[in-house]
Amino acid sequence: MQTYLAWIFLITWFPCHLEAYQLLENNCGHLNSGRVVNGKNSSIQYAAWMAAIQNETHFLCGGTLIHNRFVLTAARCIHGHTNLFVRLGAYNKSEPTFQVKVTAAIIHRSSSIFDFHYNVGLLKLSSRVKYNFYVRPICIILDTKHKSFIPTTLKAFGWGQNSDNLESDILQTITLDHYNERVCNRRLNFTMSSEQICAGAYNGDTCGSDSGGPLSTTLTVNGLPREAQIGIVSFGLRTCNGPGVYTKVASYVDWIQKRISNFDDSNKPQLAMPQQSPPAMVQDMWLHRDCGGGTMASILRADIFGHNFRAHGVLITDRFVITTARHLSENHDALKVIPIGMGWTYGDHRVDSVFKHTSDIALLKLSRPMRPTDGMKPICMLSNDQLQRMGEPPLPLSVFDPVSGGHFYLYTRECPWTINADEICVGTPPGISTTFGKAGDILGKQIIVSKKGRFVLFGIVSYSSDGYHILTNVMKHTGWIANTVKQNQF
């Protein structure tokens, strides 16, 4: 996918409201609150049903998990290929949640490598997939009465070439408009059938390795958003700067159901997916498993004292405190940390080690673990760079006011001076006490995992001036933080 603009944050949508309808899988499409020219990095939640299809040597194209045993894709994508594998839950296709072998490639019998009609296929997986947060199916609407339903605006996803003609490892998305078929007939010198969709955008298109990926829309089911697949990426201009043709999924739901029924073997063993919160490629979603809850009320903060130095901080494990590195002494013997709860302290703690990063953050290793029995805990931090992408983009963010005991929401703003790429600028929230803005104060956001809210560390105040607060985005340094803690935890 080519990228000319900034990130697209898919946290606001305009869902389509349909009458009651049947879905291939009821537990589908759940959303948590070539190239694709002008494509943008996708929200990680949309990777849950994405399938990266490859053979033994290289990536071929995209697809979607629509059933616990089947992936939907384009027939031309898999025609003639053997020894196929599918990578599931792959926001980064090089770091999937799981890889599973394909035991059968099912191509529509009218499909041909010489044209793009009937361009639909299914891949049967070697074992059934057990759904979790990171791997689950997209919705397929079965009702024939909705066969003609095509929204005016749709989304397409894939790992196709970007603006540098390189395949993207990160899942990309682009918003497309539904065009009259005459647009594709004219621009592509092609005669569309009623089983195809014409779509595009003035500044982009799907192309190349995006083939087989989904064209989708957001529906509302029982008041909650669900993602439903409307089309399959089929083909477009070689230059990837015009409309594209998509296979209309509604025209093939009978074929899909019949093939699944014929090929599914319910007696085969079920493939047990990882049951812990994180994907299988990491040990844990959280840096510290026993971290705090959905607000700062249960979080262990810290006051840090040194020679001509005072700053705030917060515990991120039972042994490590994160704070600002500016003016911090590297002489650990000169430092003292006082953990703080809601209105009380836990005595002085000496510092064993100091680890400073060039981007105004530092980790302090305490001389002994901090394990209070009153329910106070370290703040939650995501454990690796890939999970960081899930938590980083959405706004708003919030700060905690220890005076009032409340959270205040704020948004980033443009600073009157230049800041670094790993810094963010925020204003003082209306109504908050004047205590906010000290070095080491923290900025967080709430992430919902398995219907449970966690208040997660996002940034830490570096300095403040004229009502502006410059914070280091600690999520940009998740890898450094996690590695430092892991290598020095004993």
Foldseek 3Di string as FASTA:
>chain_A
DAADDAADDPLDADADEDDDFDWPDPPAFFDFNLEWFNWHFDFLQVQQFKKFKDAPPDTQAIWGHRFQFKTKFWQLSCPPDPRMKIFGLQQQQVDGLDIFTFDDKAAPPPDDNVDQPSGIIMTTTPAGEDGDSRHGGAIETADLVCLVDDDQKWKWKIQAAYPVRDGHSGIIMDMKGWDDVVQCCVQVVDDDDPQKTKIGDQRTANADRNGTTFTWGWHADPNGTGIHGQWTFTHDDNVGRGIGMTGGSNVCSVVVVVVCVVPDDVVDDHDYADPAQDRPVDPHFWLEPLADFQDCLQFKKKWKDFDVDIFIWGARYQFKTKFFPVPDDQPQQRMWMWIDHLVDTDDIWGFDGWADDPQGMIMTGTPDGHDDPPRRGTATETQDLVSLSNPPPDDDKWFAASVVRDIATWHFDDDPDDDDPQKTKTFDGPPGDPPPQTGHGWIWDWDATPNGIGTYTAWTFHGDDPRMTMTGGCSVVSVVVSVVCVVPVD
